[in-house]
PDB file of N, CA and C in Angstrom:
ATOM      1  N   MET A   1      95.774 161.426 130.640  1.00  0.00           N
ATOM      2  CA  MET A   1      94.747 161.836 129.714  1.00  0.00           C
ATOM      3  C   MET A   1      95.262 163.020 128.888  1.00  0.00           C
ATOM      4  N   PRO A   2      95.685 162.748 127.689  1.00  0.00           N
ATOM      5  CA  PRO A   2      96.213 163.839 126.861  1.00  0.00           C
ATOM      6  C   PRO A   2      95.111 164.761 126.333  1.00  0.00           C
ATOM      7  N   VAL A   3      95.467 166.034 126.224  1.00  0.00           N
ATOM      8  CA  VAL A   3      94.556 167.025 125.647  1.00  0.00           C
ATOM      9  C   VAL A   3      94.778 167.027 124.138  1.00  0.00           C
ATOM     10  N   ILE A   4      93.717 166.917 123.389  1.00  0.00           N
ATOM     11  CA  ILE A   4      93.767 166.903 121.933  1.00  0.00           C
ATOM     12  C   ILE A   4      93.371 168.280 121.410  1.00  0.00           C
ATOM     13  N   VAL A   5      94.198 168.842 120.535  1.00  0.00           N
ATOM     14  CA  VAL A   5      93.917 170.140 119.926  1.00  0.00           C
ATOM     15  C   VAL A   5      93.353 169.890 118.530  1.00  0.00           C
ATOM     16  N   LYS A   6      92.140 170.370 118.302  1.00  0.00           N
ATOM     17  CA  LYS A   6      91.452 170.122 117.026  1.00  0.00           C
ATOM     18  C   LYS A   6      91.500 171.354 116.112  1.00  0.00           C
ATOM     19  N   LEU A   7      92.640 172.039 116.126  1.00  0.00           N
ATOM     20  CA  LEU A   7      92.785 173.267 115.345  1.00  0.00           C
ATOM     21  C   LEU A   7      92.693 172.993 113.849  1.00  0.00           C
ATOM     22  N   ASP A   8      93.295 171.903 113.385  1.00  0.00           N
ATOM     23  CA  ASP A   8      93.237 171.553 111.958  1.00  0.00           C
ATOM     24  C   ASP A   8      91.799 171.428 111.471  1.00  0.00           C
ATOM     25  N   ASP A   9      90.973 170.746 112.254  1.00  0.00           N
ATOM     26  CA  ASP A   9      89.574 170.543 111.864  1.00  0.00           C
ATOM     27  C   ASP A   9      88.828 171.873 111.761  1.00  0.00           C
ATOM     28  N   LEU A  10      89.041 172.732 112.756  1.00  0.00           N
ATOM     29  CA  LEU A  10      88.354 174.023 112.749  1.00  0.00           C
ATOM     30  C   LEU A  10      88.826 174.904 111.596  1.00  0.00           C
ATOM     31  N   LEU A  11      90.122 174.891 111.325  1.00  0.00           N
ATOM     32  CA  LEU A  11      90.641 175.679 110.207  1.00  0.00           C
ATOM     33  C   LEU A  11      90.057 175.182 108.891  1.00  0.00           C
ATOM     34  N   TYR A  12      89.972 173.870 108.737  1.00  0.00           N
ATOM     35  CA  TYR A  12      89.403 173.298 107.518  1.00  0.00           C
ATOM     36  C   TYR A  12      87.937 173.703 107.355  1.00  0.00           C
ATOM     37  N   GLN A  13      87.186 173.610 108.452  1.00  0.00           N
ATOM     38  CA  GLN A  13      85.765 173.969 108.409  1.00  0.00           C
ATOM     39  C   GLN A  13      85.568 175.447 108.079  1.00  0.00           C
ATOM     40  N   ARG A  14      86.485 176.287 108.555  1.00  0.00           N
ATOM     41  CA  ARG A  14      86.371 177.730 108.325  1.00  0.00           C
ATOM     42  C   ARG A  14      87.072 178.183 107.051  1.00  0.00           C
ATOM     43  N   ARG A  15      87.680 177.228 106.352  1.00  0.00           N
ATOM     44  CA  ARG A  15      88.442 177.527 105.121  1.00  0.00           C
ATOM     45  C   ARG A  15      89.465 178.637 105.376  1.00  0.00           C
ATOM     46  N   MET A  16      90.257 178.428 106.420  1.00  0.00           N
ATOM     47  CA  MET A  16      91.258 179.406 106.831  1.00  0.00           C
ATOM     48  C   MET A  16      92.603 178.703 106.963  1.00  0.00           C
ATOM     49  N   THR A  17      93.660 179.395 106.619  1.00  0.00           N
ATOM     50  CA  THR A  17      94.991 178.830 106.773  1.00  0.00           C
ATOM     51  C   THR A  17      95.549 179.183 108.145  1.00  0.00           C
ATOM     52  N   LEU A  18      96.570 178.458 108.543  1.00  0.00           N
ATOM     53  CA  LEU A  18      97.236 178.739 109.806  1.00  0.00           C
ATOM     54  C   LEU A  18      97.859 180.131 109.774  1.00  0.00           C
ATOM     55  N   THR A  19      98.370 180.518 108.621  1.00  0.00           N
ATOM     56  CA  THR A  19      98.969 181.847 108.467  1.00  0.00           C
ATOM     57  C   THR A  19      97.926 182.940 108.667  1.00  0.00           C
ATOM     58  N   GLU A  20      96.746 182.773 108.092  1.00  0.00           N
ATOM     59  CA  GLU A  20      95.671 183.755 108.276  1.00  0.00           C
ATOM     60  C   GLU A  20      95.270 183.866 109.742  1.00  0.00           C
ATOM     61  N   LEU A  21      95.164 182.718 110.410  1.00  0.00           N
ATOM     62  CA  LEU A  21      94.800 182.726 111.823  1.00  0.00           C
ATOM     63  C   LEU A  21      95.873 183.427 112.651  1.00  0.00           C
ATOM     64  N   ALA A  22      97.125 183.146 112.355  1.00  0.00           N
ATOM     65  CA  ALA A  22      98.231 183.780 113.082  1.00  0.00           C
ATOM     66  C   ALA A  22      98.167 185.296 112.964  1.00  0.00           C
ATOM     67  N   GLU A  23      97.862 185.781 111.775  1.00  0.00           N
ATOM     68  CA  GLU A  23      97.771 187.229 111.563  1.00  0.00           C
ATOM     69  C   GLU A  23      96.592 187.827 112.333  1.00  0.00           C
ATOM     70  N   LYS A  24      95.447 187.142 112.317  1.00  0.00           N
ATOM     71  CA  LYS A  24      94.251 187.671 112.969  1.00  0.00           C
ATOM     72  C   LYS A  24      94.338 187.605 114.489  1.00  0.00           C
ATOM     73  N   VAL A  25      95.049 186.610 115.006  1.00  0.00           N
ATOM     74  CA  VAL A  25      95.173 186.435 116.449  1.00  0.00           C
ATOM     75  C   VAL A  25      96.387 187.193 116.982  1.00  0.00           C
ATOM     76  N   ASP A  26      97.273 187.579 116.084  1.00  0.00           N
ATOM     77  CA  ASP A  26      98.521 188.261 116.439  1.00  0.00           C
ATOM     78  C   ASP A  26      99.410 187.363 117.297  1.00  0.00           C
ATOM     79  N   ILE A  27      99.639 186.163 116.779  1.00  0.00           N
ATOM     80  CA  ILE A  27     100.526 185.190 117.405  1.00  0.00           C
ATOM     81  C   ILE A  27     101.448 184.672 116.308  1.00  0.00           C
ATOM     82  N   THR A  28     102.641 184.258 116.682  1.00  0.00           N
ATOM     83  CA  THR A  28     103.572 183.805 115.653  1.00  0.00           C
ATOM     84  C   THR A  28     103.090 182.495 115.037  1.00  0.00           C
ATOM     85  N   LEU A  29     103.437 182.320 113.783  1.00  0.00           N
ATOM     86  CA  LEU A  29     103.096 181.090 113.073  1.00  0.00           C
ATOM     87  C   LEU A  29     103.750 179.894 113.764  1.00  0.00           C
ATOM     88  N   ALA A  30     104.964 180.087 114.251  1.00  0.00           N
ATOM     89  CA  ALA A  30     105.677 179.002 114.944  1.00  0.00           C
ATOM     90  C   ALA A  30     104.917 178.556 116.194  1.00  0.00           C
ATOM     91  N   ASN A  31     104.415 179.505 116.971  1.00  0.00           N
ATOM     92  CA  ASN A  31     103.663 179.139 118.182  1.00  0.00           C
ATOM     93  C   ASN A  31     102.340 178.461 117.848  1.00  0.00           C
ATOM     94  N   LEU A  32     101.681 178.910 116.795  1.00  0.00           N
ATOM     95  CA  LEU A  32     100.434 178.242 116.383  1.00  0.00           C
ATOM     96  C   LEU A  32     100.717 176.835 115.880  1.00  0.00           C
ATOM     97  N   SER A  33     101.823 176.656 115.194  1.00  0.00           N
ATOM     98  CA  SER A  33     102.204 175.328 114.703  1.00  0.00           C
ATOM     99  C   SER A  33     102.441 174.373 115.865  1.00  0.00           C
ATOM    100  N   ILE A  34     103.101 174.859 116.910  1.00  0.00           N
ATOM    101  CA  ILE A  34     103.339 174.041 118.107  1.00  0.00           C
ATOM    102  C   ILE A  34     102.001 173.639 118.729  1.00  0.00           C
ATOM    103  N   LEU A  35     101.080 174.569 118.781  1.00  0.00           N
ATOM    104  CA  LEU A  35      99.756 174.279 119.327  1.00  0.00           C
ATOM    105  C   LEU A  35      99.022 173.274 118.441  1.00  0.00           C
ATOM    106  N   LYS A  36      99.074 173.485 117.151  1.00  0.00           N
ATOM    107  CA  LYS A  36      98.359 172.636 116.199  1.00  0.00           C
ATOM    108  C   LYS A  36      98.843 171.191 116.235  1.00  0.00           C
ATOM    109  N   THR A  37     100.145 171.002 116.416  1.00  0.00           N
ATOM    110  CA  THR A  37     100.702 169.650 116.416  1.00  0.00           C
ATOM    111  C   THR A  37     100.583 168.956 117.769  1.00  0.00           C
ATOM    112  N   GLY A  38     100.044 169.668 118.766  1.00  0.00           N
ATOM    113  CA  GLY A  38      99.859 169.065 120.070  1.00  0.00           C
ATOM    114  C   GLY A  38     101.108 169.060 120.926  1.00  0.00           C
ATOM    115  N   LYS A  39     102.116 169.808 120.535  1.00  0.00           N
ATOM    116  CA  LYS A  39     103.372 169.840 121.291  1.00  0.00           C
ATOM    117  C   LYS A  39     103.400 170.926 122.353  1.00  0.00           C
ATOM    118  N   ALA A  40     102.382 171.772 122.396  1.00  0.00           N
ATOM    119  CA  ALA A  40     102.331 172.855 123.384  1.00  0.00           C
ATOM    120  C   ALA A  40     102.082 172.275 124.771  1.00  0.00           C
ATOM    121  N   LYS A  41     102.747 172.838 125.757  1.00  0.00           N
ATOM    122  CA  LYS A  41     102.569 172.402 127.145  1.00  0.00           C
ATOM    123  C   LYS A  41     101.562 173.281 127.881  1.00  0.00           C
ATOM    124  N   ALA A  42     101.309 174.475 127.346  1.00  0.00           N
ATOM    125  CA  ALA A  42     100.381 175.404 127.987  1.00  0.00           C
ATOM    126  C   ALA A  42      99.871 176.402 126.954  1.00  0.00           C
ATOM    127  N   MET A  43      98.770 177.069 127.318  1.00  0.00           N
ATOM    128  CA  MET A  43      98.227 178.119 126.462  1.00  0.00           C
ATOM    129  C   MET A  43      97.589 179.158 127.373  1.00  0.00           C
ATOM    130  N   ARG A  44      97.824 180.410 127.084  1.00  0.00           N
ATOM    131  CA  ARG A  44      97.206 181.477 127.862  1.00  0.00           C
ATOM    132  C   ARG A  44      95.718 181.546 127.529  1.00  0.00           C
ATOM    133  N   PHE A  45      94.938 181.920 128.533  1.00  0.00           N
ATOM    134  CA  PHE A  45      93.508 182.081 128.293  1.00  0.00           C
ATOM    135  C   PHE A  45      93.255 183.180 127.271  1.00  0.00           C
ATOM    136  N   SER A  46      94.088 184.210 127.262  1.00  0.00           N
ATOM    137  CA  SER A  46      93.904 185.290 126.286  1.00  0.00           C
ATOM    138  C   SER A  46      94.110 184.773 124.856  1.00  0.00           C
ATOM    139  N   THR A  47      95.048 183.849 124.682  1.00  0.00           N
ATOM    140  CA  THR A  47      95.274 183.245 123.360  1.00  0.00           C
ATOM    141  C   THR A  47      94.099 182.361 122.982  1.00  0.00           C
ATOM    142  N   LEU A  48      93.626 181.565 123.926  1.00  0.00           N
ATOM    143  CA  LEU A  48      92.467 180.702 123.681  1.00  0.00           C
ATOM    144  C   LEU A  48      91.248 181.544 123.313  1.00  0.00           C
ATOM    145  N   GLU A  49      91.054 182.620 124.045  1.00  0.00           N
ATOM    146  CA  GLU A  49      89.926 183.511 123.767  1.00  0.00           C
ATOM    147  C   GLU A  49      90.037 184.125 122.372  1.00  0.00           C
ATOM    148  N   ALA A  50      91.234 184.568 121.995  1.00  0.00           N
ATOM    149  CA  ALA A  50      91.434 185.185 120.676  1.00  0.00           C
ATOM    150  C   ALA A  50      91.202 184.184 119.557  1.00  0.00           C
ATOM    151  N   ILE A  51      91.700 182.964 119.724  1.00  0.00           N
ATOM    152  CA  ILE A  51      91.494 181.928 118.702  1.00  0.00           C
ATOM    153  C   ILE A  51      90.011 181.617 118.567  1.00  0.00           C
ATOM    154  N   CYS A  52      89.325 181.446 119.697  1.00  0.00           N
ATOM    155  CA  CYS A  52      87.890 181.150 119.661  1.00  0.00           C
ATOM    156  C   CYS A  52      87.098 182.300 119.052  1.00  0.00           C
ATOM    157  N   ASP A  53      87.524 183.523 119.311  1.00  0.00           N
ATOM    158  CA  ASP A  53      86.847 184.689 118.738  1.00  0.00           C
ATOM    159  C   ASP A  53      86.975 184.694 117.217  1.00  0.00           C
ATOM    160  N   VAL A  54      88.180 184.472 116.719  1.00  0.00           N
ATOM    161  CA  VAL A  54      88.414 184.490 115.267  1.00  0.00           C
ATOM    162  C   VAL A  54      87.723 183.313 114.586  1.00  0.00           C
ATOM    163  N   LEU A  55      87.773 182.141 115.202  1.00  0.00           N
ATOM    164  CA  LEU A  55      87.175 180.945 114.591  1.00  0.00           C
ATOM    165  C   LEU A  55      85.690 180.789 114.936  1.00  0.00           C
ATOM    166  N   ASP A  56      85.149 181.710 115.736  1.00  0.00           N
ATOM    167  CA  ASP A  56      83.750 181.663 116.143  1.00  0.00           C
ATOM    168  C   ASP A  56      83.397 180.292 116.722  1.00  0.00           C
ATOM    169  N   CYS A  57      84.136 179.916 117.773  1.00  0.00           N
ATOM    170  CA  CYS A  57      83.924 178.615 118.394  1.00  0.00           C
ATOM    171  C   CYS A  57      84.041 178.742 119.900  1.00  0.00           C
ATOM    172  N   GLN A  58      83.789 177.671 120.589  1.00  0.00           N
ATOM    173  CA  GLN A  58      83.938 177.568 122.033  1.00  0.00           C
ATOM    174  C   GLN A  58      85.221 176.790 122.331  1.00  0.00           C
ATOM    175  N   PRO A  59      85.816 176.957 123.512  1.00  0.00           N
ATOM    176  CA  PRO A  59      87.026 176.202 123.849  1.00  0.00           C
ATOM    177  C   PRO A  59      86.861 174.688 123.680  1.00  0.00           C
ATOM    178  N   GLY A  60      85.681 174.181 123.968  1.00  0.00           N
ATOM    179  CA  GLY A  60      85.419 172.751 123.803  1.00  0.00           C
ATOM    180  C   GLY A  60      85.432 172.298 122.353  1.00  0.00           C
ATOM    181  N   ASP A  61      85.247 173.229 121.424  1.00  0.00           N
ATOM    182  CA  ASP A  61      85.344 172.898 119.999  1.00  0.00           C
ATOM    183  C   ASP A  61      86.808 172.737 119.590  1.00  0.00           C
ATOM    184  N   LEU A  62      87.681 173.410 120.308  1.00  0.00           N
ATOM    185  CA  LEU A  62      89.106 173.437 119.982  1.00  0.00           C
ATOM    186  C   LEU A  62      89.891 172.384 120.750  1.00  0.00           C
ATOM    187  N   LEU A  63      89.476 172.106 121.985  1.00  0.00           N
ATOM    188  CA  LEU A  63      90.219 171.189 122.858  1.00  0.00           C
ATOM    189  C   LEU A  63      89.322 170.067 123.325  1.00  0.00           C
ATOM    190  N   SER A  64      89.903 168.885 123.442  1.00  0.00           N
ATOM    191  CA  SER A  64      89.177 167.752 124.033  1.00  0.00           C
ATOM    192  C   SER A  64      90.183 166.905 124.807  1.00  0.00           C
ATOM    193  N   VAL A  65      89.670 166.033 125.650  1.00  0.00           N
ATOM    194  CA  VAL A  65      90.522 165.159 126.441  1.00  0.00           C
ATOM    195  C   VAL A  65      90.296 163.733 125.969  1.00  0.00           C
ATOM    196  N   SER A  66      91.398 163.061 125.678  1.00  0.00           N
ATOM    197  CA  SER A  66      91.334 161.665 125.228  1.00  0.00           C
ATOM    198  C   SER A  66      91.412 160.759 126.431  1.00  0.00           C
ATOM    199  N   LYS A  67      90.393 159.967 126.650  1.00  0.00           N
ATOM    200  CA  LYS A  67      90.381 159.041 127.778  1.00  0.00           C
ATOM    201  C   LYS A  67      90.701 157.633 127.278  1.00  0.00           C
ATOM    202  N   SER A  68      91.405 156.907 128.105  1.00  0.00           N
ATOM    203  CA  SER A  68      91.704 155.509 127.781  1.00  0.00           C
ATOM    204  C   SER A  68      90.420 154.700 127.903  1.00  0.00           C
ATOM    205  N   GLU A  69      90.396 153.549 127.233  1.00  0.00           N
ATOM    206  CA  GLU A  69      89.188 152.729 127.247  1.00  0.00           C
ATOM    207  C   GLU A  69      88.847 152.226 128.634  1.00  0.00           C
ATOM    208  N   GLY A  70      89.839 152.021 129.501  1.00  0.00           N
ATOM    209  CA  GLY A  70      89.600 151.486 130.831  1.00  0.00           C
ATOM    210  C   GLY A  70      89.118 152.519 131.825  1.00  0.00           C
ATOM    211  N   GLU A  71      89.054 153.777 131.455  1.00  0.00           N
ATOM    212  CA  GLU A  71      88.663 154.846 132.390  1.00  0.00           C
ATOM    213  C   GLU A  71      87.197 155.168 132.317  1.00  0.00           C
TER     214      GLU A  71
END
């Protein structure tokens, strides 16, 4: 069950660029890009909290789990 990162959708809704988010969260643009593309293997809770704080969202707004049809 892969975890889906919906960062693009939230950024679009908030009319914010990835660069702006990186500056506000104090994380590198490269690390945010890895997260955005779904290539990240882990994320610190402090990073998740900072992203949710800046985007005014809940973790469930940012992350979801994709289930197969047979599950």
